[in-house]
Amino acid sequence: MPYFDAASSAPLHPVARQALQASLDEGWADPARLYREGRRARLLIDAAREAAAEAVGCRPDELVFTSSGTRSVHLGIAGALAGRRRVGRHLVVSAVEHSSVLHSAAALAADGGSVTEVAVDRTGAVTASAFAAALREDTALACLQSANHEVGTEQPVAEVAAACRAAGVPLLVDAAQSLAWGPVDAPWSLLTASAHKWGGPAGVGLLAVRKGVRFATQGPADERESGRSPGFENIPAIVAAAASLRAVRAEAAAESLRLRALVDRIRARVAGAVPDVEVVGDPVRRLPHLVTFSCLYVDGETLLHELDRAGFSVSSGSSCTSSTLTPSHVLKAMGVLSEGNVRVSLPVGTAEADVERFLEVLPAAVEGVRKQLGAPAAPAAGSGGRERLEGLEEPADLVVDALGKLCPIPVIELAKVIGDVPVGGVVTVLADDEAARLDIPAWCDMRSQEYLGAHPVGGGTAYRVRRSN
């Protein structure tokens, strides 16, 4: 069964498995002790630290191991903010950061600090000028991921790091998605990563803090990992994480080219074989193994189940698969279609034949889900009478009441009736599903209809669309 969700967690690399099994017999003792078993454990963790530091591009004494990538982010942000508390309590982040960064930002704001989110364009990238403009005299820290976890877009880290350095602000880079493919070539101040993203075991994260960066560890003091990551180290997992990082880096150049070609094939074929689909993310400045696309008139959860039944494990940022029924914050920040969202992230070693079979299965899976939902095959023709609804700013030729209906039903209802008004006529869709804020404007772009805007009405929002063709 092809597994196409490496961005969530990559399969355990064979080298990691070998290193884990070998170090279980040697790495169980306390590396802080001076007896033979402790010295042996210390040698293992020191060698792992040197290998990881070489891959990151820092000194071994600048890197500590943590219990996860999320823990690394939390420790890094808290320590950097505390170390620069005399400067201020202002944090700058991009709008598409990993939730671990945004949760840390929310905690700072709740505690009286301030946060600026830098907007992104439709590819998911910030501009260095916008990021630089967000820096202030009281900015204690800035955070920017090296590449996005949902759409694969690479960020201009080098340019942003230069702007931060000029302003005297340290930059924390979340390199969880990119570290397997190469070091972050930029003057960063702090860097975080997670082993299970590159084929290492879960439960190992990296936190690198450059010498000279003001950093004050939060919480009770602990003598381990330079006092920055408390608790007894999981030495076998750490050894396996470092060994697998070195192994994937050795394969990265060739595998990057191979997977990029397969992803290019998916990007081109999906756009041609599946009607009403939007491939999102930067087509060039992106991770080599990841592609995300959204399908109109599709319930994402149902589509993922259909693909799973066909033997393919993929993931989604769609509101239709979220327990909160709200769109992915990444897709929302980009302003792209969120319904029927599919993320394909190929693990190292993915076979070309598996990609071909996925491309053969996908169109029928999408068509089947659309039929289940009663989605229109094409815009309908006809004419309708003029309606007026209390609370609307202007009368509409047709009002669609989709209140209480979830993604993608409001868009499907709009598509069914757009042909019932004359060219130039207006359809108003009433909806309270959060995804409609993204999906109705995106539908207008894809169908070349004019989106007139939205305003609150009753218990939801009125979305106005003028028929243009």
Protein backbone atom coordinates (compact mmCIF):
# COMPACT_ATOMS: atom_id res chain seq x y z
CA MET A 1 0.00 0.00 0.00
CA PRO A 2 1.74 3.24 -1.12
CA TYR A 3 2.27 5.67 1.74
CA PHE A 4 2.18 9.25 0.46
CA ASP A 5 2.23 11.22 3.74
CA ALA A 6 5.92 11.67 4.47
CA ALA A 7 5.38 15.30 5.48
CA SER A 8 3.46 14.05 8.53
CA SER A 9 5.91 11.31 9.39
CA ALA A 10 8.38 9.54 7.15
CA PRO A 11 8.77 5.75 7.31
CA LEU A 12 11.62 4.62 9.53
CA HIS A 13 14.80 4.64 7.45
CA PRO A 14 16.66 1.29 7.31
CA VAL A 15 19.77 2.95 8.74
CA ALA A 16 17.71 4.27 11.66
CA ARG A 17 16.38 0.79 12.36
CA GLN A 18 19.90 -0.69 12.33
CA ALA A 19 21.33 2.06 14.53
CA LEU A 20 18.44 1.80 16.97
CA GLN A 21 18.84 -1.93 17.39
CA ALA A 22 22.62 -1.70 17.74
CA SER A 23 22.54 1.09 20.32
CA LEU A 24 19.92 -0.53 22.54
CA ASP A 25 22.64 -2.74 24.01
CA GLU A 26 25.13 0.12 24.47
CA GLY A 27 23.11 3.26 25.14
CA TRP A 28 21.01 2.37 28.18
CA ALA A 29 23.29 3.77 30.91
CA ASP A 30 23.39 7.31 32.30
CA PRO A 31 25.82 9.32 30.13
CA ALA A 32 26.50 11.65 33.07
CA ARG A 33 28.21 8.86 35.04
CA LEU A 34 31.91 8.13 35.01
CA TYR A 35 31.84 4.35 35.09
CA ARG A 36 32.38 2.24 31.99
CA GLU A 37 28.74 1.93 30.89
CA GLY A 38 28.17 5.66 31.38
CA ARG A 39 31.27 6.57 29.38
CA ARG A 40 30.10 4.29 26.57
CA ALA A 41 26.70 5.99 26.52
CA ARG A 42 28.38 9.40 26.54
CA LEU A 43 30.47 8.46 23.51
CA LEU A 44 27.32 7.47 21.62
CA ILE A 45 25.45 10.70 22.33
CA ASP A 46 28.52 12.85 21.62
CA ALA A 47 29.01 11.14 18.23
CA ALA A 48 25.32 11.63 17.44
CA ARG A 49 25.54 15.31 18.38
CA GLU A 50 28.54 15.83 16.10
CA ALA A 51 26.77 14.15 13.18
CA ALA A 52 23.58 16.15 13.71
CA ALA A 53 25.49 19.42 14.09
CA GLU A 54 27.34 18.76 10.84
CA ALA A 55 24.01 18.23 9.05
CA VAL A 56 22.50 21.36 10.59
CA GLY A 57 25.59 23.49 9.98
CA CYS A 58 26.41 24.48 13.54
CA ARG A 59 28.85 23.63 16.31
CA PRO A 60 28.15 20.52 18.40
CA ASP A 61 27.98 22.61 21.57
CA GLU A 62 25.26 24.74 19.96
CA LEU A 63 22.89 21.79 19.49
CA VAL A 64 20.77 19.90 22.02
CA PHE A 65 18.38 17.00 21.65
CA THR A 66 14.76 17.34 22.79
CA SER A 67 11.75 15.06 22.96
CA SER A 68 10.14 16.36 19.72
CA GLY A 69 10.17 19.10 17.10
CA THR A 70 7.24 20.78 18.84
CA ARG A 71 9.14 20.75 22.13
CA SER A 72 12.14 22.28 20.36
CA VAL A 73 9.98 25.12 19.05
CA HIS A 74 8.43 25.76 22.46
CA LEU A 75 11.81 25.72 24.23
CA GLY A 76 13.47 27.84 21.56
CA ILE A 77 10.82 30.56 21.49
CA ALA A 78 10.45 30.71 25.26
CA GLY A 79 14.20 30.83 25.84
CA ALA A 80 14.86 33.47 23.19
CA LEU A 81 12.00 35.69 24.39
CA ALA A 82 13.19 35.41 27.98
CA GLY A 83 16.78 36.13 27.01
CA ARG A 84 15.73 39.38 25.32
CA ARG A 85 13.00 40.49 27.71
CA ARG A 86 14.77 43.83 28.25
CA VAL A 87 14.37 44.56 24.52
CA GLY A 88 10.64 43.91 24.54
CA ARG A 89 7.96 41.26 24.20
CA HIS A 90 7.12 41.53 20.52
CA LEU A 91 7.23 38.43 18.31
CA VAL A 92 7.06 38.33 14.51
CA VAL A 93 5.87 35.18 12.72
CA SER A 94 4.56 34.32 9.28
CA ALA A 95 0.86 33.53 8.94
CA VAL A 96 1.62 29.99 7.76
CA GLU A 97 3.93 28.77 10.54
CA HIS A 98 3.48 25.37 12.10
CA SER A 99 0.91 25.26 14.89
CA SER A 100 3.68 24.86 17.48
CA VAL A 101 4.93 28.35 16.61
CA LEU A 102 1.44 29.86 16.50
CA HIS A 103 0.53 28.29 19.85
CA SER A 104 3.66 29.81 21.39
CA ALA A 105 2.69 33.15 19.87
CA ALA A 106 -0.82 32.86 21.30
CA ALA A 107 0.61 32.12 24.75
CA LEU A 108 2.80 35.22 24.53
CA ALA A 109 -0.16 37.38 23.52
CA ALA A 110 -2.28 35.97 26.36
CA ASP A 111 0.52 36.87 28.77
CA GLY A 112 0.60 40.51 27.69
CA GLY A 113 3.10 40.33 24.82
CA SER A 114 2.38 41.29 21.24
CA VAL A 115 2.54 39.33 17.99
CA THR A 116 2.66 40.41 14.36
CA GLU A 117 1.70 37.88 11.69
CA VAL A 118 3.25 38.59 8.31
CA ALA A 119 0.86 37.85 5.45
CA VAL A 120 1.75 35.53 2.57
CA ASP A 121 0.88 35.57 -1.13
CA ARG A 122 -1.19 32.93 -2.93
CA THR A 123 1.85 30.64 -3.14
CA GLY A 124 2.28 30.72 0.62
CA ALA A 125 5.46 32.81 0.70
CA VAL A 126 6.27 35.97 2.61
CA THR A 127 8.28 38.79 1.10
CA ALA A 128 11.46 39.86 2.82
CA SER A 129 10.34 43.50 2.65
CA ALA A 130 7.04 42.76 4.42
CA PHE A 131 8.84 40.74 7.07
CA ALA A 132 11.39 43.50 7.60
CA ALA A 133 8.61 46.07 7.91
CA ALA A 134 7.10 44.06 10.78
CA LEU A 135 10.28 44.30 12.89
CA ARG A 136 10.19 46.93 15.64
CA GLU A 137 12.48 48.29 18.30
CA ASP A 138 10.79 46.04 20.87
CA THR A 139 10.91 42.89 18.69
CA ALA A 140 12.54 40.18 20.74
CA LEU A 141 12.35 37.35 18.19
CA ALA A 142 11.22 36.49 14.67
CA CYS A 143 10.16 33.04 13.43
CA LEU A 144 10.06 31.74 9.87
CA GLN A 145 9.80 28.17 8.62
CA SER A 146 12.24 27.11 5.92
CA ALA A 147 9.47 25.40 3.91
CA ASN A 148 5.77 25.00 4.48
CA HIS A 149 4.46 21.71 5.83
CA GLU A 150 1.15 21.81 3.93
CA VAL A 151 1.96 23.16 0.47
CA GLY A 152 5.75 22.79 0.25
CA THR A 153 6.54 26.42 -0.57
CA GLU A 154 10.07 27.46 0.39
CA GLN A 155 10.44 30.74 2.23
CA PRO A 156 13.06 33.42 1.43
CA VAL A 157 14.93 32.60 4.64
CA ALA A 158 18.27 34.08 3.58
CA GLU A 159 16.73 37.46 2.73
CA VAL A 160 14.62 37.52 5.90
CA ALA A 161 17.61 36.48 8.04
CA ALA A 162 19.63 39.33 6.57
CA ALA A 163 16.85 41.78 7.41
CA CYS A 164 16.64 40.43 10.95
CA ARG A 165 20.38 40.65 11.41
CA ALA A 166 20.35 44.27 10.20
CA ALA A 167 17.64 45.03 12.77
CA GLY A 168 19.45 43.15 15.54
CA VAL A 169 16.64 40.60 15.89
CA PRO A 170 17.37 36.86 16.23
CA LEU A 171 15.59 34.58 13.77
CA LEU A 172 14.29 31.12 14.69
CA VAL A 173 13.93 28.82 11.68
CA ASP A 174 11.66 25.79 11.81
CA ALA A 175 13.49 23.41 9.48
CA ALA A 176 11.40 20.32 10.21
CA GLN A 177 10.32 19.82 6.59
CA SER A 178 13.52 20.82 4.82
CA LEU A 179 16.44 19.51 6.87
CA ALA A 180 16.45 16.13 5.13
CA TRP A 181 17.18 17.89 1.83
CA GLY A 182 20.00 20.14 3.00
CA PRO A 183 21.11 22.71 5.59
CA VAL A 184 19.39 26.07 5.88
CA ASP A 185 21.79 28.34 4.03
CA ALA A 186 21.12 31.55 5.95
CA PRO A 187 22.46 33.41 9.01
CA TRP A 188 19.80 32.04 11.37
CA SER A 189 20.04 32.40 15.14
CA LEU A 190 18.00 29.40 16.30
CA LEU A 191 16.89 26.31 14.39
CA THR A 192 14.51 23.47 15.20
CA ALA A 193 13.80 20.12 13.56
CA SER A 194 12.16 16.76 14.17
CA ALA A 195 13.64 13.33 13.47
CA HIS A 196 10.46 11.57 12.39
CA LYS A 197 10.19 13.98 9.44
CA TRP A 198 13.34 12.56 7.83
CA GLY A 199 12.93 8.86 8.71
CA GLY A 200 14.33 8.87 12.21
CA PRO A 201 12.37 7.58 15.20
CA ALA A 202 9.63 9.68 16.76
CA GLY A 203 10.46 11.36 20.05
CA VAL A 204 13.67 13.14 19.01
CA GLY A 205 13.89 16.83 18.18
CA LEU A 206 16.78 19.21 17.56
CA LEU A 207 17.28 22.70 18.96
CA ALA A 208 20.31 24.70 17.81
CA VAL A 209 21.13 28.07 19.41
CA ARG A 210 24.04 30.01 17.92
CA LYS A 211 26.72 31.28 20.26
CA GLY A 212 26.06 34.89 21.13
CA VAL A 213 22.26 34.60 21.01
CA ARG A 214 20.75 35.71 24.30
CA PHE A 215 18.90 32.70 25.65
CA ALA A 216 17.43 32.04 29.08
CA THR A 217 16.13 28.53 29.67
CA GLN A 218 12.68 28.51 31.24
CA GLY A 219 11.49 26.12 33.93
CA PRO A 220 13.42 24.35 36.69
CA ALA A 221 17.14 23.91 36.14
CA ASP A 222 18.37 20.60 34.73
CA GLU A 223 21.97 19.56 34.19
CA ARG A 224 21.30 17.65 30.96
CA GLU A 225 21.61 18.97 27.39
CA SER A 226 23.29 22.21 28.49
CA GLY A 227 20.34 22.82 30.78
CA ARG A 228 18.05 23.50 27.79
CA SER A 229 16.18 20.21 27.47
CA PRO A 230 15.38 18.51 30.78
CA GLY A 231 15.12 14.78 31.33
CA PHE A 232 17.07 11.61 30.68
CA GLU A 233 18.14 11.36 27.04
CA ASN A 234 16.76 8.55 24.87
CA ILE A 235 20.19 7.62 23.58
CA PRO A 236 19.21 4.77 21.20
CA ALA A 237 16.61 7.01 19.52
CA ILE A 238 19.07 9.92 19.34
CA VAL A 239 21.73 7.72 17.76
CA ALA A 240 19.19 6.41 15.23
CA ALA A 241 18.02 9.96 14.46
CA ALA A 242 21.54 11.20 13.75
CA ALA A 243 22.45 8.13 11.70
CA SER A 244 19.33 8.40 9.54
CA LEU A 245 19.84 12.15 9.01
CA ARG A 246 23.33 11.47 7.71
CA ALA A 247 21.98 8.68 5.48
CA VAL A 248 19.16 10.72 3.92
CA ARG A 249 21.54 13.59 3.31
CA ALA A 250 23.85 11.26 1.40
CA GLU A 251 20.88 10.29 -0.81
CA ALA A 252 19.37 13.78 -1.00
CA ALA A 253 20.89 15.09 -4.23
CA ALA A 254 19.82 12.16 -6.40
CA GLU A 255 16.53 11.49 -4.61
CA SER A 256 15.55 15.15 -4.77
CA LEU A 257 15.84 15.16 -8.55
CA ARG A 258 13.90 11.92 -8.87
CA LEU A 259 11.05 12.91 -6.55
CA ARG A 260 10.82 16.39 -8.02
CA ALA A 261 10.22 14.86 -11.44
CA LEU A 262 7.47 12.64 -10.00
CA VAL A 263 5.85 15.62 -8.27
CA ASP A 264 6.04 17.64 -11.49
CA ARG A 265 4.19 14.78 -13.16
CA ILE A 266 1.48 14.86 -10.48
CA ARG A 267 1.12 18.63 -10.75
CA ALA A 268 0.67 18.50 -14.51
CA ARG A 269 -1.49 15.40 -14.75
CA VAL A 270 -3.87 16.29 -11.91
CA ALA A 271 -4.54 19.71 -13.42
CA GLY A 272 -5.31 18.09 -16.78
CA ALA A 273 -7.21 14.97 -15.70
CA VAL A 274 -9.39 16.31 -12.88
CA PRO A 275 -11.85 19.10 -13.74
CA ASP A 276 -12.12 22.09 -11.41
CA VAL A 277 -8.93 21.50 -9.47
CA GLU A 278 -6.46 24.05 -8.11
CA VAL A 279 -2.84 23.04 -7.54
CA VAL A 280 -1.52 25.27 -4.74
CA GLY A 281 1.92 26.33 -3.55
CA ASP A 282 4.87 27.71 -5.45
CA PRO A 283 5.53 25.59 -8.57
CA VAL A 284 9.29 26.25 -8.48
CA ARG A 285 10.46 27.29 -4.99
CA ARG A 286 9.18 24.23 -3.20
CA LEU A 287 10.16 21.03 -1.48
CA PRO A 288 10.96 18.28 -4.01
CA HIS A 289 8.59 15.65 -2.61
CA LEU A 290 5.37 17.53 -1.83
CA VAL A 291 2.35 18.70 -3.83
CA THR A 292 -1.06 19.91 -2.68
CA PHE A 293 -4.22 20.41 -4.71
CA SER A 294 -7.86 21.23 -3.96
CA CYS A 295 -10.92 19.92 -5.79
CA LEU A 296 -14.18 21.83 -6.16
CA TYR A 297 -17.39 20.15 -5.01
CA VAL A 298 -15.57 17.53 -2.97
CA ASP A 299 -15.83 16.51 0.67
CA GLY A 300 -12.18 16.05 1.63
CA GLU A 301 -12.81 13.37 4.25
CA THR A 302 -14.79 11.24 1.83
CA LEU A 303 -12.11 11.65 -0.86
CA LEU A 304 -9.36 10.61 1.53
CA HIS A 305 -11.39 7.53 2.50
CA GLU A 306 -11.87 6.65 -1.18
CA LEU A 307 -8.14 6.96 -1.85
CA ASP A 308 -7.40 4.90 1.25
CA ARG A 309 -9.74 2.17 -0.05
CA ALA A 310 -7.80 2.28 -3.32
CA GLY A 311 -4.57 1.74 -1.38
CA PHE A 312 -3.15 5.27 -1.05
CA SER A 313 -2.39 7.06 2.21
CA VAL A 314 -2.56 10.83 1.74
CA SER A 315 -3.48 13.74 4.00
CA SER A 316 -5.41 16.99 3.77
CA GLY A 317 -5.54 20.56 5.01
CA SER A 318 -9.20 20.80 4.11
CA SER A 319 -11.83 22.04 6.53
CA CYS A 320 -13.84 19.03 5.46
CA THR A 321 -11.48 16.70 7.34
CA SER A 322 -10.96 18.83 10.43
CA SER A 323 -12.63 18.09 13.75
CA THR A 324 -13.07 21.84 14.19
CA LEU A 325 -14.65 22.23 10.73
CA THR A 326 -12.49 25.28 10.05
CA PRO A 327 -10.12 25.63 7.09
CA SER A 328 -6.42 25.02 7.44
CA HIS A 329 -4.78 28.24 8.64
CA VAL A 330 -2.23 27.82 5.85
CA LEU A 331 -4.82 27.62 3.06
CA LYS A 332 -6.79 30.42 4.69
CA ALA A 333 -3.75 32.70 4.81
CA MET A 334 -3.02 31.94 1.14
CA GLY A 335 -6.61 32.67 0.13
CA VAL A 336 -6.89 29.51 -1.97
CA LEU A 337 -9.57 26.86 -2.35
CA SER A 338 -9.79 24.72 0.77
CA GLU A 339 -12.43 22.12 -0.07
CA GLY A 340 -11.39 18.70 -1.32
CA ASN A 341 -7.79 19.38 -0.38
CA VAL A 342 -5.22 16.59 -0.88
CA ARG A 343 -1.57 16.70 0.15
CA VAL A 344 0.75 14.15 -1.45
CA SER A 345 4.20 13.92 0.10
CA LEU A 346 6.39 11.17 -1.32
CA PRO A 347 8.81 9.33 0.98
CA VAL A 348 12.32 8.45 -0.10
CA GLY A 349 12.26 5.48 -2.45
CA THR A 350 8.74 6.03 -3.83
CA ALA A 351 8.28 3.93 -6.96
CA GLU A 352 7.30 5.56 -10.25
CA ALA A 353 4.70 2.84 -10.77
CA ASP A 354 2.94 3.81 -7.54
CA VAL A 355 2.68 7.42 -8.67
CA GLU A 356 1.27 6.30 -12.02
CA ARG A 357 -1.35 4.16 -10.32
CA PHE A 358 -2.33 7.07 -8.07
CA LEU A 359 -2.83 9.26 -11.13
CA GLU A 360 -5.03 6.57 -12.66
CA VAL A 361 -7.15 6.17 -9.52
CA LEU A 362 -7.59 9.84 -8.57
CA PRO A 363 -9.96 11.09 -11.33
CA ALA A 364 -12.50 8.34 -10.71
CA ALA A 365 -12.28 8.85 -6.94
CA VAL A 366 -12.99 12.58 -7.30
CA GLU A 367 -15.84 11.97 -9.77
CA GLY A 368 -17.38 9.41 -7.42
CA VAL A 369 -17.37 11.80 -4.47
CA ARG A 370 -18.89 14.56 -6.58
CA LYS A 371 -21.70 12.27 -7.67
CA GLN A 372 -22.41 11.34 -4.05
CA LEU A 373 -22.77 15.03 -3.21
CA GLY A 374 -24.88 15.85 -6.25
CA ALA A 375 -22.33 18.29 -7.66
CA PRO A 376 -23.11 19.81 -11.07
CA ALA A 377 -21.19 18.55 -14.07
CA ALA A 378 -21.48 21.98 -15.70
CA PRO A 379 -23.22 25.27 -14.94
CA ALA A 380 -26.96 24.93 -15.41
CA ALA A 381 -29.01 27.10 -17.78
CA GLY A 382 -32.27 28.88 -17.08
CA SER A 383 -33.71 32.01 -15.57
CA GLY A 384 -34.96 32.95 -12.13
CA GLY A 385 -37.17 35.46 -10.38
CA ARG A 386 -35.91 38.34 -8.30
CA GLU A 387 -35.87 37.79 -4.52
CA ARG A 388 -35.40 40.11 -1.58
CA LEU A 389 -34.26 38.88 1.82
CA GLU A 390 -34.31 40.90 5.01
CA GLY A 391 -30.82 41.93 6.08
CA LEU A 392 -29.25 42.04 2.59
CA GLU A 393 -27.68 45.35 1.59
CA GLU A 394 -29.01 45.02 -1.97
CA PRO A 395 -31.63 42.78 -3.59
CA ALA A 396 -30.42 39.68 -5.39
CA ASP A 397 -31.80 37.94 -8.45
CA LEU A 398 -31.55 34.68 -6.52
CA VAL A 399 -30.86 33.79 -2.89
CA VAL A 400 -29.41 30.42 -1.89
CA ASP A 401 -29.92 29.48 1.75
CA ALA A 402 -27.00 27.24 2.72
CA LEU A 403 -27.08 28.07 6.44
CA GLY A 404 -26.21 25.03 8.52
CA LYS A 405 -24.62 23.24 5.57
CA LEU A 406 -20.96 22.32 5.63
CA CYS A 407 -18.20 22.41 3.03
CA PRO A 408 -18.53 21.81 0.09
CA ILE A 409 -22.34 22.12 -0.03
CA PRO A 410 -22.55 25.97 -0.18
CA VAL A 411 -20.36 26.03 -3.30
CA ILE A 412 -22.27 23.14 -4.87
CA GLU A 413 -25.56 24.97 -4.30
CA LEU A 414 -24.08 28.13 -5.87
CA ALA A 415 -22.85 26.19 -8.91
CA LYS A 416 -26.28 24.62 -9.41
CA VAL A 417 -28.12 27.95 -9.63
CA ILE A 418 -25.67 30.35 -11.25
CA GLY A 419 -27.24 29.55 -14.60
CA ASP A 420 -30.69 30.47 -13.27
CA VAL A 421 -29.89 34.19 -13.36
CA PRO A 422 -29.17 36.23 -16.48
CA VAL A 423 -25.64 37.43 -17.29
CA GLY A 424 -25.13 40.39 -15.00
CA GLY A 425 -27.53 38.96 -12.44
CA VAL A 426 -26.57 38.44 -8.81
CA VAL A 427 -26.76 35.32 -6.67
CA THR A 428 -26.47 35.68 -2.90
CA VAL A 429 -25.38 32.65 -0.91
CA LEU A 430 -26.19 32.59 2.80
CA ALA A 431 -23.73 30.38 4.66
CA ASP A 432 -22.29 29.97 8.14
CA ASP A 433 -19.59 27.45 7.25
CA GLU A 434 -16.16 29.02 7.76
CA ALA A 435 -14.76 27.43 4.60
CA ALA A 436 -17.18 29.41 2.43
CA ARG A 437 -15.06 32.52 3.02
CA LEU A 438 -12.32 30.89 0.96
CA ASP A 439 -14.21 28.59 -1.33
CA ILE A 440 -16.80 30.94 -2.83
CA PRO A 441 -14.20 33.53 -3.99
CA ALA A 442 -12.01 30.66 -5.25
CA TRP A 443 -14.97 29.21 -7.17
CA CYS A 444 -15.54 32.61 -8.79
CA ASP A 445 -11.91 32.73 -9.94
CA MET A 446 -12.09 29.21 -11.35
CA ARG A 447 -15.44 29.77 -13.06
CA SER A 448 -14.69 33.35 -14.26
CA GLN A 449 -17.58 34.79 -12.28
CA GLU A 450 -17.43 38.11 -10.40
CA TYR A 451 -17.19 37.95 -6.64
CA LEU A 452 -18.84 41.05 -5.16
CA GLY A 453 -17.92 40.51 -1.53
CA ALA A 454 -19.55 39.41 1.71
CA HIS A 455 -21.24 40.91 4.74
CA PRO A 456 -22.82 39.56 7.93
CA VAL A 457 -26.52 38.81 7.86
CA GLY A 458 -28.65 36.97 10.41
CA GLY A 459 -26.71 34.05 11.80
CA GLY A 460 -24.23 33.84 8.96
CA THR A 461 -22.69 35.65 6.01
CA ALA A 462 -24.13 36.74 2.67
CA TYR A 463 -21.78 36.11 -0.27
CA ARG A 464 -22.69 37.98 -3.46
CA VAL A 465 -21.72 36.68 -6.89
CA ARG A 466 -22.48 38.32 -10.23
CA ARG A 467 -22.83 36.01 -13.23
CA SER A 468 -20.28 37.09 -15.85
CA ASN A 469 -20.71 34.41 -18.49
